[in-house]
Amino acid sequence: MGMERLILLLKHYGLALSANANAYFVSLGEAARLQTLLLTEQCRTVLPALAMVNHCGEGSFKSQMKRADKSGADIAIILGEDELQNQQVSIKYLRIKQEQETIAQTELVNRLQQIF
């Protein structure tokens, strides 16, 4: 099937792809990277229309945040060593407002439902 037909089919069913991500997962360390994969899957199960990017490569926190900003994401969900140890995530608002909050990992899906 050609790309044009696939795009038309997606639009017909209201599943048009977004150019920008809503949320961009940033992780620091191997254990945090693995946990973000689990969190991403949980979020996608409950919120399938939410466009999410999970940074799975290496890179400093600064470089990952630059990529999150370039992606056009509204928020960055940060999971570092401290957050991992405390079973939390930090949500940094990139577009809506310039603030950051820390919540329990178990509350992430509920918080994303409130934001989006």
PDB file of N, CA and C in Angstrom:
ATOM      1  N   MET A   1       0.857  -1.169   0.000  1.00  0.00           N
ATOM      2  CA  MET A   1       0.000   0.000   0.000  1.00  0.00           C
ATOM      3  C   MET A   1       0.906   1.236   0.000  1.00  0.00           C
ATOM      4  N   GLY A   2       0.566   2.218  -0.801  1.00  0.00           N
ATOM      5  CA  GLY A   2       1.348   3.452  -0.867  1.00  0.00           C
ATOM      6  C   GLY A   2       1.155   4.322   0.361  1.00  0.00           C
ATOM      7  N   MET A   3       2.127   5.155   0.625  1.00  0.00           N
ATOM      8  CA  MET A   3       2.080   6.047   1.793  1.00  0.00           C
ATOM      9  C   MET A   3       0.875   6.992   1.731  1.00  0.00           C
ATOM     10  N   GLU A   4       0.579   7.513   0.540  1.00  0.00           N
ATOM     11  CA  GLU A   4      -0.533   8.446   0.405  1.00  0.00           C
ATOM     12  C   GLU A   4      -1.854   7.783   0.798  1.00  0.00           C
ATOM     13  N   ARG A   5      -2.046   6.549   0.359  1.00  0.00           N
ATOM     14  CA  ARG A   5      -3.279   5.826   0.708  1.00  0.00           C
ATOM     15  C   ARG A   5      -3.337   5.525   2.196  1.00  0.00           C
ATOM     16  N   LEU A   6      -2.216   5.193   2.766  1.00  0.00           N
ATOM     17  CA  LEU A   6      -2.169   4.929   4.198  1.00  0.00           C
ATOM     18  C   LEU A   6      -2.529   6.183   4.987  1.00  0.00           C
ATOM     19  N   ILE A   7      -2.011   7.325   4.586  1.00  0.00           N
ATOM     20  CA  ILE A   7      -2.321   8.594   5.256  1.00  0.00           C
ATOM     21  C   ILE A   7      -3.793   8.933   5.110  1.00  0.00           C
ATOM     22  N   LEU A   8      -4.337   8.744   3.913  1.00  0.00           N
ATOM     23  CA  LEU A   8      -5.767   8.992   3.699  1.00  0.00           C
ATOM     24  C   LEU A   8      -6.626   8.078   4.572  1.00  0.00           C
ATOM     25  N   LEU A   9      -6.223   6.830   4.697  1.00  0.00           N
ATOM     26  CA  LEU A   9      -6.951   5.880   5.530  1.00  0.00           C
ATOM     27  C   LEU A   9      -6.904   6.294   7.002  1.00  0.00           C
ATOM     28  N   LEU A  10      -5.742   6.720   7.472  1.00  0.00           N
ATOM     29  CA  LEU A  10      -5.610   7.195   8.851  1.00  0.00           C
ATOM     30  C   LEU A  10      -6.495   8.411   9.099  1.00  0.00           C
ATOM     31  N   LYS A  11      -6.497   9.342   8.155  1.00  0.00           N
ATOM     32  CA  LYS A  11      -7.334  10.539   8.291  1.00  0.00           C
ATOM     33  C   LYS A  11      -8.814  10.165   8.297  1.00  0.00           C
ATOM     34  N   HIS A  12      -9.199   9.239   7.439  1.00  0.00           N
ATOM     35  CA  HIS A  12     -10.594   8.808   7.355  1.00  0.00           C
ATOM     36  C   HIS A  12     -11.101   8.284   8.702  1.00  0.00           C
ATOM     37  N   TYR A  13     -10.256   7.551   9.417  1.00  0.00           N
ATOM     38  CA  TYR A  13     -10.643   6.982  10.708  1.00  0.00           C
ATOM     39  C   TYR A  13     -10.257   7.871  11.889  1.00  0.00           C
ATOM     40  N   GLY A  14      -9.843   9.095  11.605  1.00  0.00           N
ATOM     41  CA  GLY A  14      -9.504  10.028  12.675  1.00  0.00           C
ATOM     42  C   GLY A  14      -8.228   9.676  13.403  1.00  0.00           C
ATOM     43  N   LEU A  15      -7.326   9.002  12.740  1.00  0.00           N
ATOM     44  CA  LEU A  15      -6.071   8.578  13.361  1.00  0.00           C
ATOM     45  C   LEU A  15      -4.872   9.269  12.727  1.00  0.00           C
ATOM     46  N   ALA A  16      -5.068  10.468  12.227  1.00  0.00           N
ATOM     47  CA  ALA A  16      -3.983  11.197  11.572  1.00  0.00           C
ATOM     48  C   ALA A  16      -2.810  11.351  12.529  1.00  0.00           C
ATOM     49  N   LEU A  17      -1.626  11.192  11.990  1.00  0.00           N
ATOM     50  CA  LEU A  17      -0.424  11.257  12.793  1.00  0.00           C
ATOM     51  C   LEU A  17      -0.056  12.694  13.112  1.00  0.00           C
ATOM     52  N   SER A  18       0.391  12.925  14.316  1.00  0.00           N
ATOM     53  CA  SER A  18       0.820  14.249  14.735  1.00  0.00           C
ATOM     54  C   SER A  18       2.302  14.423  14.429  1.00  0.00           C
ATOM     55  N   ALA A  19       2.659  15.605  14.002  1.00  0.00           N
ATOM     56  CA  ALA A  19       4.066  15.879  13.702  1.00  0.00           C
ATOM     57  C   ALA A  19       4.873  16.046  14.988  1.00  0.00           C
ATOM     58  N   ASN A  20       4.233  16.487  16.049  1.00  0.00           N
ATOM     59  CA  ASN A  20       4.916  16.736  17.311  1.00  0.00           C
ATOM     60  C   ASN A  20       4.490  15.721  18.364  1.00  0.00           C
ATOM     61  N   ALA A  21       5.409  15.435  19.244  1.00  0.00           N
ATOM     62  CA  ALA A  21       5.100  14.554  20.366  1.00  0.00           C
ATOM     63  C   ALA A  21       4.402  15.362  21.455  1.00  0.00           C
ATOM     64  N   ASN A  22       3.561  14.698  22.226  1.00  0.00           N
ATOM     65  CA  ASN A  22       2.977  15.336  23.398  1.00  0.00           C
ATOM     66  C   ASN A  22       3.928  15.239  24.583  1.00  0.00           C
ATOM     67  N   ALA A  23       4.552  14.061  24.723  1.00  0.00           N
ATOM     68  CA  ALA A  23       5.439  13.801  25.857  1.00  0.00           C
ATOM     69  C   ALA A  23       6.724  13.145  25.363  1.00  0.00           C
ATOM     70  N   TYR A  24       7.839  13.520  25.965  1.00  0.00           N
ATOM     71  CA  TYR A  24       9.153  12.993  25.607  1.00  0.00           C
ATOM     72  C   TYR A  24       9.790  12.454  26.887  1.00  0.00           C
ATOM     73  N   PHE A  25      10.076  11.160  26.920  1.00  0.00           N
ATOM     74  CA  PHE A  25      10.686  10.547  28.099  1.00  0.00           C
ATOM     75  C   PHE A  25      12.196  10.714  28.064  1.00  0.00           C
ATOM     76  N   VAL A  26      12.752  11.256  29.127  1.00  0.00           N
ATOM     77  CA  VAL A  26      14.196  11.442  29.293  1.00  0.00           C
ATOM     78  C   VAL A  26      14.629  10.554  30.448  1.00  0.00           C
ATOM     79  N   SER A  27      15.680   9.759  30.238  1.00  0.00           N
ATOM     80  CA  SER A  27      16.141   8.879  31.317  1.00  0.00           C
ATOM     81  C   SER A  27      17.657   8.969  31.446  1.00  0.00           C
ATOM     82  N   LEU A  28      18.114   8.773  32.663  1.00  0.00           N
ATOM     83  CA  LEU A  28      19.548   8.813  32.961  1.00  0.00           C
ATOM     84  C   LEU A  28      19.949   7.515  33.641  1.00  0.00           C
ATOM     85  N   GLY A  29      20.747   6.719  32.958  1.00  0.00           N
ATOM     86  CA  GLY A  29      21.185   5.442  33.503  1.00  0.00           C
ATOM     87  C   GLY A  29      20.396   4.287  32.924  1.00  0.00           C
ATOM     88  N   GLU A  30      21.021   3.121  32.923  1.00  0.00           N
ATOM     89  CA  GLU A  30      20.414   1.934  32.322  1.00  0.00           C
ATOM     90  C   GLU A  30      19.141   1.503  33.039  1.00  0.00           C
ATOM     91  N   ALA A  31      19.148   1.498  34.363  1.00  0.00           N
ATOM     92  CA  ALA A  31      17.961   1.086  35.115  1.00  0.00           C
ATOM     93  C   ALA A  31      16.794   2.035  34.853  1.00  0.00           C
ATOM     94  N   ALA A  32      17.075   3.327  34.789  1.00  0.00           N
ATOM     95  CA  ALA A  32      16.026   4.310  34.502  1.00  0.00           C
ATOM     96  C   ALA A  32      15.499   4.136  33.077  1.00  0.00           C
ATOM     97  N   ARG A  33      16.379   3.833  32.142  1.00  0.00           N
ATOM     98  CA  ARG A  33      15.976   3.632  30.746  1.00  0.00           C
ATOM     99  C   ARG A  33      15.012   2.449  30.632  1.00  0.00           C
ATOM    100  N   LEU A  34      15.308   1.374  31.347  1.00  0.00           N
ATOM    101  CA  LEU A  34      14.411   0.209  31.343  1.00  0.00           C
ATOM    102  C   LEU A  34      13.059   0.541  31.975  1.00  0.00           C
ATOM    103  N   GLN A  35      13.074   1.305  33.044  1.00  0.00           N
ATOM    104  CA  GLN A  35      11.815   1.689  33.704  1.00  0.00           C
ATOM    105  C   GLN A  35      10.980   2.591  32.811  1.00  0.00           C
ATOM    106  N   THR A  36      11.626   3.471  32.039  1.00  0.00           N
ATOM    107  CA  THR A  36      10.842   4.333  31.143  1.00  0.00           C
ATOM    108  C   THR A  36      10.131   3.511  30.072  1.00  0.00           C
ATOM    109  N   LEU A  37      10.723   2.400  29.657  1.00  0.00           N
ATOM    110  CA  LEU A  37      10.046   1.537  28.689  1.00  0.00           C
ATOM    111  C   LEU A  37       8.744   0.982  29.279  1.00  0.00           C
ATOM    112  N   LEU A  38       8.791   0.578  30.529  1.00  0.00           N
ATOM    113  CA  LEU A  38       7.583   0.082  31.200  1.00  0.00           C
ATOM    114  C   LEU A  38       6.538   1.183  31.373  1.00  0.00           C
ATOM    115  N   LEU A  39       6.996   2.364  31.785  1.00  0.00           N
ATOM    116  CA  LEU A  39       6.075   3.482  31.974  1.00  0.00           C
ATOM    117  C   LEU A  39       5.449   3.921  30.655  1.00  0.00           C
ATOM    118  N   THR A  40       6.254   3.933  29.596  1.00  0.00           N
ATOM    119  CA  THR A  40       5.742   4.303  28.274  1.00  0.00           C
ATOM    120  C   THR A  40       4.656   3.336  27.837  1.00  0.00           C
ATOM    121  N   GLU A  41       4.887   2.051  28.045  1.00  0.00           N
ATOM    122  CA  GLU A  41       3.900   1.043  27.661  1.00  0.00           C
ATOM    123  C   GLU A  41       2.605   1.210  28.450  1.00  0.00           C
ATOM    124  N   GLN A  42       2.711   1.495  29.750  1.00  0.00           N
ATOM    125  CA  GLN A  42       1.519   1.726  30.567  1.00  0.00           C
ATOM    126  C   GLN A  42       0.728   2.920  30.045  1.00  0.00           C
ATOM    127  N   CYS A  43       1.436   3.996  29.729  1.00  0.00           N
ATOM    128  CA  CYS A  43       0.780   5.209  29.230  1.00  0.00           C
ATOM    129  C   CYS A  43       0.118   4.957  27.883  1.00  0.00           C
ATOM    130  N   ARG A  44       0.803   4.254  26.994  1.00  0.00           N
ATOM    131  CA  ARG A  44       0.253   3.989  25.664  1.00  0.00           C
ATOM    132  C   ARG A  44      -0.968   3.065  25.723  1.00  0.00           C
ATOM    133  N   THR A  45      -1.009   2.192  26.703  1.00  0.00           N
ATOM    134  CA  THR A  45      -2.160   1.296  26.850  1.00  0.00           C
ATOM    135  C   THR A  45      -3.409   2.081  27.214  1.00  0.00           C
ATOM    136  N   VAL A  46      -3.269   3.026  28.124  1.00  0.00           N
ATOM    137  CA  VAL A  46      -4.420   3.798  28.598  1.00  0.00           C
ATOM    138  C   VAL A  46      -4.714   5.000  27.690  1.00  0.00           C
ATOM    139  N   LEU A  47      -3.658   5.602  27.128  1.00  0.00           N
ATOM    140  CA  LEU A  47      -3.799   6.814  26.311  1.00  0.00           C
ATOM    141  C   LEU A  47      -3.206   6.591  24.918  1.00  0.00           C
ATOM    142  N   PRO A  48      -3.844   5.767  24.089  1.00  0.00           N
ATOM    143  CA  PRO A  48      -3.251   5.433  22.791  1.00  0.00           C
ATOM    144  C   PRO A  48      -3.121   6.617  21.833  1.00  0.00           C
ATOM    145  N   ALA A  49      -3.915   7.654  22.006  1.00  0.00           N
ATOM    146  CA  ALA A  49      -3.853   8.806  21.108  1.00  0.00           C
ATOM    147  C   ALA A  49      -2.729   9.773  21.471  1.00  0.00           C
ATOM    148  N   LEU A  50      -2.132   9.589  22.634  1.00  0.00           N
ATOM    149  CA  LEU A  50      -1.055  10.467  23.086  1.00  0.00           C
ATOM    150  C   LEU A  50       0.231  10.125  22.348  1.00  0.00           C
ATOM    151  N   ALA A  51       0.834  11.107  21.692  1.00  0.00           N
ATOM    152  CA  ALA A  51       2.082  10.890  20.957  1.00  0.00           C
ATOM    153  C   ALA A  51       3.252  11.002  21.934  1.00  0.00           C
ATOM    154  N   MET A  52       3.962   9.892  22.121  1.00  0.00           N
ATOM    155  CA  MET A  52       5.062   9.849  23.082  1.00  0.00           C
ATOM    156  C   MET A  52       6.334   9.378  22.405  1.00  0.00           C
ATOM    157  N   VAL A  53       7.446   9.951  22.846  1.00  0.00           N
ATOM    158  CA  VAL A  53       8.764   9.550  22.372  1.00  0.00           C
ATOM    159  C   VAL A  53       9.555   9.109  23.586  1.00  0.00           C
ATOM    160  N   ASN A  54      10.227   7.977  23.463  1.00  0.00           N
ATOM    161  CA  ASN A  54      11.071   7.471  24.540  1.00  0.00           C
ATOM    162  C   ASN A  54      12.516   7.505  24.061  1.00  0.00           C
ATOM    163  N   HIS A  55      13.330   8.343  24.672  1.00  0.00           N
ATOM    164  CA  HIS A  55      14.736   8.438  24.284  1.00  0.00           C
ATOM    165  C   HIS A  55      15.470   7.201  24.814  1.00  0.00           C
ATOM    166  N   CYS A  56      15.851   6.325  23.917  1.00  0.00           N
ATOM    167  CA  CYS A  56      16.482   5.066  24.327  1.00  0.00           C
ATOM    168  C   CYS A  56      17.996   5.075  24.144  1.00  0.00           C
ATOM    169  N   GLY A  57      18.515   6.121  23.580  1.00  0.00           N
ATOM    170  CA  GLY A  57      19.953   6.177  23.338  1.00  0.00           C
ATOM    171  C   GLY A  57      20.706   6.775  24.505  1.00  0.00           C
ATOM    172  N   GLU A  58      21.981   6.865  24.325  1.00  0.00           N
ATOM    173  CA  GLU A  58      22.838   7.496  25.324  1.00  0.00           C
ATOM    174  C   GLU A  58      22.764   9.008  25.160  1.00  0.00           C
ATOM    175  N   GLY A  59      23.289   9.709  26.109  1.00  0.00           N
ATOM    176  CA  GLY A  59      23.344  11.160  26.025  1.00  0.00           C
ATOM    177  C   GLY A  59      23.198  11.778  27.397  1.00  0.00           C
ATOM    178  N   SER A  60      23.756  12.945  27.522  1.00  0.00           N
ATOM    179  CA  SER A  60      23.659  13.662  28.785  1.00  0.00           C
ATOM    180  C   SER A  60      22.235  14.177  28.977  1.00  0.00           C
ATOM    181  N   PHE A  61      21.952  14.577  30.187  1.00  0.00           N
ATOM    182  CA  PHE A  61      20.636  15.137  30.491  1.00  0.00           C
ATOM    183  C   PHE A  61      20.378  16.351  29.604  1.00  0.00           C
ATOM    184  N   LYS A  62      21.379  17.190  29.465  1.00  0.00           N
ATOM    185  CA  LYS A  62      21.241  18.413  28.666  1.00  0.00           C
ATOM    186  C   LYS A  62      20.927  18.092  27.207  1.00  0.00           C
ATOM    187  N   SER A  63      21.644  17.137  26.630  1.00  0.00           N
ATOM    188  CA  SER A  63      21.402  16.797  25.225  1.00  0.00           C
ATOM    189  C   SER A  63      20.023  16.163  25.032  1.00  0.00           C
ATOM    190  N   GLN A  64      19.588  15.352  25.987  1.00  0.00           N
ATOM    191  CA  GLN A  64      18.254  14.750  25.890  1.00  0.00           C
ATOM    192  C   GLN A  64      17.162  15.815  26.010  1.00  0.00           C
ATOM    193  N   MET A  65      17.373  16.798  26.874  1.00  0.00           N
ATOM    194  CA  MET A  65      16.391  17.878  27.013  1.00  0.00           C
ATOM    195  C   MET A  65      16.334  18.728  25.744  1.00  0.00           C
ATOM    196  N   LYS A  66      17.467  18.920  25.087  1.00  0.00           N
ATOM    197  CA  LYS A  66      17.478  19.643  23.814  1.00  0.00           C
ATOM    198  C   LYS A  66      16.672  18.886  22.769  1.00  0.00           C
ATOM    199  N   ARG A  67      16.829  17.566  22.747  1.00  0.00           N
ATOM    200  CA  ARG A  67      16.060  16.745  21.808  1.00  0.00           C
ATOM    201  C   ARG A  67      14.569  16.801  22.128  1.00  0.00           C
ATOM    202  N   ALA A  68      14.248  16.799  23.407  1.00  0.00           N
ATOM    203  CA  ALA A  68      12.842  16.897  23.814  1.00  0.00           C
ATOM    204  C   ALA A  68      12.250  18.207  23.320  1.00  0.00           C
ATOM    205  N   ASP A  69      12.988  19.279  23.464  1.00  0.00           N
ATOM    206  CA  ASP A  69      12.514  20.586  23.014  1.00  0.00           C
ATOM    207  C   ASP A  69      12.367  20.618  21.493  1.00  0.00           C
ATOM    208  N   LYS A  70      13.350  20.075  20.783  1.00  0.00           N
ATOM    209  CA  LYS A  70      13.294  20.045  19.316  1.00  0.00           C
ATOM    210  C   LYS A  70      12.154  19.182  18.792  1.00  0.00           C
ATOM    211  N   SER A  71      11.747  18.194  19.573  1.00  0.00           N
ATOM    212  CA  SER A  71      10.661  17.305  19.139  1.00  0.00           C
ATOM    213  C   SER A  71       9.316  18.025  19.102  1.00  0.00           C
ATOM    214  N   GLY A  72       9.249  19.164  19.768  1.00  0.00           N
ATOM    215  CA  GLY A  72       7.985  19.888  19.838  1.00  0.00           C
ATOM    216  C   GLY A  72       7.085  19.398  20.950  1.00  0.00           C
ATOM    217  N   ALA A  73       7.604  18.530  21.809  1.00  0.00           N
ATOM    218  CA  ALA A  73       6.804  17.972  22.903  1.00  0.00           C
ATOM    219  C   ALA A  73       6.344  19.064  23.862  1.00  0.00           C
ATOM    220  N   ASP A  74       5.165  18.858  24.421  1.00  0.00           N
ATOM    221  CA  ASP A  74       4.634  19.784  25.416  1.00  0.00           C
ATOM    222  C   ASP A  74       5.311  19.607  26.767  1.00  0.00           C
ATOM    223  N   ILE A  75       5.652  18.349  27.083  1.00  0.00           N
ATOM    224  CA  ILE A  75       6.285  18.056  28.370  1.00  0.00           C
ATOM    225  C   ILE A  75       7.440  17.072  28.182  1.00  0.00           C
ATOM    226  N   ALA A  76       8.364  17.119  29.123  1.00  0.00           N
ATOM    227  CA  ALA A  76       9.407  16.099  29.223  1.00  0.00           C
ATOM    228  C   ALA A  76       9.159  15.354  30.526  1.00  0.00           C
ATOM    229  N   ILE A  77       9.165  14.042  30.444  1.00  0.00           N
ATOM    230  CA  ILE A  77       9.007  13.205  31.635  1.00  0.00           C
ATOM    231  C   ILE A  77      10.388  12.672  31.960  1.00  0.00           C
ATOM    232  N   ILE A  78      10.895  13.035  33.125  1.00  0.00           N
ATOM    233  CA  ILE A  78      12.281  12.775  33.483  1.00  0.00           C
ATOM    234  C   ILE A  78      12.356  11.682  34.534  1.00  0.00           C
ATOM    235  N   LEU A  79      13.237  10.713  34.264  1.00  0.00           N
ATOM    236  CA  LEU A  79      13.479   9.634  35.216  1.00  0.00           C
ATOM    237  C   LEU A  79      14.983   9.471  35.361  1.00  0.00           C
ATOM    238  N   GLY A  80      15.507  10.002  36.453  1.00  0.00           N
ATOM    239  CA  GLY A  80      16.921   9.877  36.769  1.00  0.00           C
ATOM    240  C   GLY A  80      17.112   8.936  37.945  1.00  0.00           C
ATOM    241  N   GLU A  81      18.313   8.907  38.476  1.00  0.00           N
ATOM    242  CA  GLU A  81      18.609   7.998  39.587  1.00  0.00           C
ATOM    243  C   GLU A  81      17.787   8.321  40.826  1.00  0.00           C
ATOM    244  N   ASP A  82      17.654   9.619  41.158  1.00  0.00           N
ATOM    245  CA  ASP A  82      16.879  10.010  42.340  1.00  0.00           C
ATOM    246  C   ASP A  82      15.405   9.638  42.178  1.00  0.00           C
ATOM    247  N   GLU A  83      14.848   9.950  41.013  1.00  0.00           N
ATOM    248  CA  GLU A  83      13.443   9.614  40.765  1.00  0.00           C
ATOM    249  C   GLU A  83      13.231   8.106  40.799  1.00  0.00           C
ATOM    250  N   LEU A  84      14.157   7.369  40.207  1.00  0.00           N
ATOM    251  CA  LEU A  84      14.049   5.910  40.186  1.00  0.00           C
ATOM    252  C   LEU A  84      14.056   5.344  41.604  1.00  0.00           C
ATOM    253  N   GLN A  85      14.967   5.839  42.422  1.00  0.00           N
ATOM    254  CA  GLN A  85      15.086   5.362  43.800  1.00  0.00           C
ATOM    255  C   GLN A  85      13.823   5.675  44.612  1.00  0.00           C
ATOM    256  N   ASN A  86      13.205   6.831  44.345  1.00  0.00           N
ATOM    257  CA  ASN A  86      12.009   7.247  45.084  1.00  0.00           C
ATOM    258  C   ASN A  86      10.708   6.859  44.385  1.00  0.00           C
ATOM    259  N   GLN A  87      10.811   6.098  43.298  1.00  0.00           N
ATOM    260  CA  GLN A  87       9.656   5.662  42.500  1.00  0.00           C
ATOM    261  C   GLN A  87       8.803   6.856  42.079  1.00  0.00           C
ATOM    262  N   GLN A  88       9.479   7.869  41.541  1.00  0.00           N
ATOM    263  CA  GLN A  88       8.831   9.091  41.094  1.00  0.00           C
ATOM    264  C   GLN A  88       9.265   9.410  39.661  1.00  0.00           C
ATOM    265  N   VAL A  89       8.611  10.371  39.058  1.00  0.00           N
ATOM    266  CA  VAL A  89       9.024  10.971  37.797  1.00  0.00           C
ATOM    267  C   VAL A  89       8.870  12.478  37.939  1.00  0.00           C
ATOM    268  N   SER A  90       9.676  13.212  37.206  1.00  0.00           N
ATOM    269  CA  SER A  90       9.524  14.664  37.154  1.00  0.00           C
ATOM    270  C   SER A  90       8.925  15.027  35.815  1.00  0.00           C
ATOM    271  N   ILE A  91       7.989  15.944  35.834  1.00  0.00           N
ATOM    272  CA  ILE A  91       7.363  16.433  34.612  1.00  0.00           C
ATOM    273  C   ILE A  91       7.765  17.881  34.437  1.00  0.00           C
ATOM    274  N   LYS A  92       8.487  18.141  33.347  1.00  0.00           N
ATOM    275  CA  LYS A  92       8.899  19.503  33.032  1.00  0.00           C
ATOM    276  C   LYS A  92       8.062  19.990  31.866  1.00  0.00           C
ATOM    277  N   TYR A  93       7.362  21.087  32.090  1.00  0.00           N
ATOM    278  CA  TYR A  93       6.528  21.679  31.041  1.00  0.00           C
ATOM    279  C   TYR A  93       7.431  22.480  30.103  1.00  0.00           C
ATOM    280  N   LEU A  94       7.374  22.155  28.835  1.00  0.00           N
ATOM    281  CA  LEU A  94       8.235  22.805  27.853  1.00  0.00           C
ATOM    282  C   LEU A  94       7.517  23.906  27.083  1.00  0.00           C
ATOM    283  N   ARG A  95       6.229  23.814  26.921  1.00  0.00           N
ATOM    284  CA  ARG A  95       5.481  24.765  26.099  1.00  0.00           C
ATOM    285  C   ARG A  95       4.410  25.511  26.903  1.00  0.00           C
ATOM    286  N   ILE A  96       3.674  24.788  27.701  1.00  0.00           N
ATOM    287  CA  ILE A  96       2.502  25.335  28.373  1.00  0.00           C
ATOM    288  C   ILE A  96       2.905  26.392  29.401  1.00  0.00           C
ATOM    289  N   LYS A  97       3.790  26.019  30.270  1.00  0.00           N
ATOM    290  CA  LYS A  97       4.283  26.904  31.320  1.00  0.00           C
ATOM    291  C   LYS A  97       5.693  26.462  31.669  1.00  0.00           C
ATOM    292  N   GLN A  98       6.444  27.303  32.254  1.00  0.00           N
ATOM    293  CA  GLN A  98       7.830  26.984  32.577  1.00  0.00           C
ATOM    294  C   GLN A  98       7.956  26.572  34.041  1.00  0.00           C
ATOM    295  N   GLU A  99       7.511  25.368  34.340  1.00  0.00           N
ATOM    296  CA  GLU A  99       7.660  24.843  35.696  1.00  0.00           C
ATOM    297  C   GLU A  99       7.849  23.342  35.638  1.00  0.00           C
ATOM    298  N   GLN A 100       8.134  22.782  36.792  1.00  0.00           N
ATOM    299  CA  GLN A 100       8.394  21.347  36.884  1.00  0.00           C
ATOM    300  C   GLN A 100       7.737  20.818  38.143  1.00  0.00           C
ATOM    301  N   GLU A 101       7.238  19.580  38.067  1.00  0.00           N
ATOM    302  CA  GLU A 101       6.636  18.943  39.231  1.00  0.00           C
ATOM    303  C   GLU A 101       7.127  17.508  39.322  1.00  0.00           C
ATOM    304  N   THR A 102       7.122  16.969  40.510  1.00  0.00           N
ATOM    305  CA  THR A 102       7.526  15.586  40.738  1.00  0.00           C
ATOM    306  C   THR A 102       6.334  14.834  41.316  1.00  0.00           C
ATOM    307  N   ILE A 103       6.045  13.676  40.702  1.00  0.00           N
ATOM    308  CA  ILE A 103       4.907  12.869  41.138  1.00  0.00           C
ATOM    309  C   ILE A 103       5.344  11.413  41.253  1.00  0.00           C
ATOM    310  N   ALA A 104       4.511  10.602  41.894  1.00  0.00           N
ATOM    311  CA  ALA A 104       4.769   9.167  41.987  1.00  0.00           C
ATOM    312  C   ALA A 104       4.587   8.535  40.607  1.00  0.00           C
ATOM    313  N   GLN A 105       5.375   7.518  40.303  1.00  0.00           N
ATOM    314  CA  GLN A 105       5.262   6.829  39.019  1.00  0.00           C
ATOM    315  C   GLN A 105       3.857   6.264  38.820  1.00  0.00           C
ATOM    316  N   THR A 106       3.239   5.823  39.906  1.00  0.00           N
ATOM    317  CA  THR A 106       1.898   5.247  39.810  1.00  0.00           C
ATOM    318  C   THR A 106       0.841   6.281  39.426  1.00  0.00           C
ATOM    319  N   GLU A 107       1.153   7.557  39.557  1.00  0.00           N
ATOM    320  CA  GLU A 107       0.205   8.630  39.236  1.00  0.00           C
ATOM    321  C   GLU A 107       0.418   9.209  37.842  1.00  0.00           C
ATOM    322  N   LEU A 108       1.407   8.702  37.107  1.00  0.00           N
ATOM    323  CA  LEU A 108       1.761   9.292  35.822  1.00  0.00           C
ATOM    324  C   LEU A 108       0.605   9.269  34.823  1.00  0.00           C
ATOM    325  N   VAL A 109      -0.053   8.150  34.661  1.00  0.00           N
ATOM    326  CA  VAL A 109      -1.146   8.051  33.691  1.00  0.00           C
ATOM    327  C   VAL A 109      -2.254   9.021  34.043  1.00  0.00           C
ATOM    328  N   ASN A 110      -2.635   9.091  35.320  1.00  0.00           N
ATOM    329  CA  ASN A 110      -3.675  10.022  35.751  1.00  0.00           C
ATOM    330  C   ASN A 110      -3.281  11.472  35.487  1.00  0.00           C
ATOM    331  N   ARG A 111      -2.033  11.789  35.726  1.00  0.00           N
ATOM    332  CA  ARG A 111      -1.562  13.163  35.514  1.00  0.00           C
ATOM    333  C   ARG A 111      -1.561  13.508  34.034  1.00  0.00           C
ATOM    334  N   LEU A 112      -1.166  12.570  33.187  1.00  0.00           N
ATOM    335  CA  LEU A 112      -1.184  12.824  31.751  1.00  0.00           C
ATOM    336  C   LEU A 112      -2.605  13.007  31.248  1.00  0.00           C
ATOM    337  N   GLN A 113      -3.555  12.286  31.807  1.00  0.00           N
ATOM    338  CA  GLN A 113      -4.965  12.481  31.444  1.00  0.00           C
ATOM    339  C   GLN A 113      -5.428  13.881  31.803  1.00  0.00           C
ATOM    340  N   GLN A 114      -4.948  14.407  32.916  1.00  0.00           N
ATOM    341  CA  GLN A 114      -5.315  15.773  33.333  1.00  0.00           C
ATOM    342  C   GLN A 114      -4.682  16.822  32.413  1.00  0.00           C
ATOM    343  N   ILE A 115      -3.431  16.583  32.021  1.00  0.00           N
ATOM    344  CA  ILE A 115      -2.708  17.552  31.185  1.00  0.00           C
ATOM    345  C   ILE A 115      -3.273  17.579  29.775  1.00  0.00           C
ATOM    346  N   PHE A 116      -3.538  16.387  29.225  1.00  0.00           N
ATOM    347  CA  PHE A 116      -3.962  16.308  27.833  1.00  0.00           C
ATOM    348  C   PHE A 116      -5.427  15.945  27.756  1.00  0.00           C
TER     349      PHE A 116
END
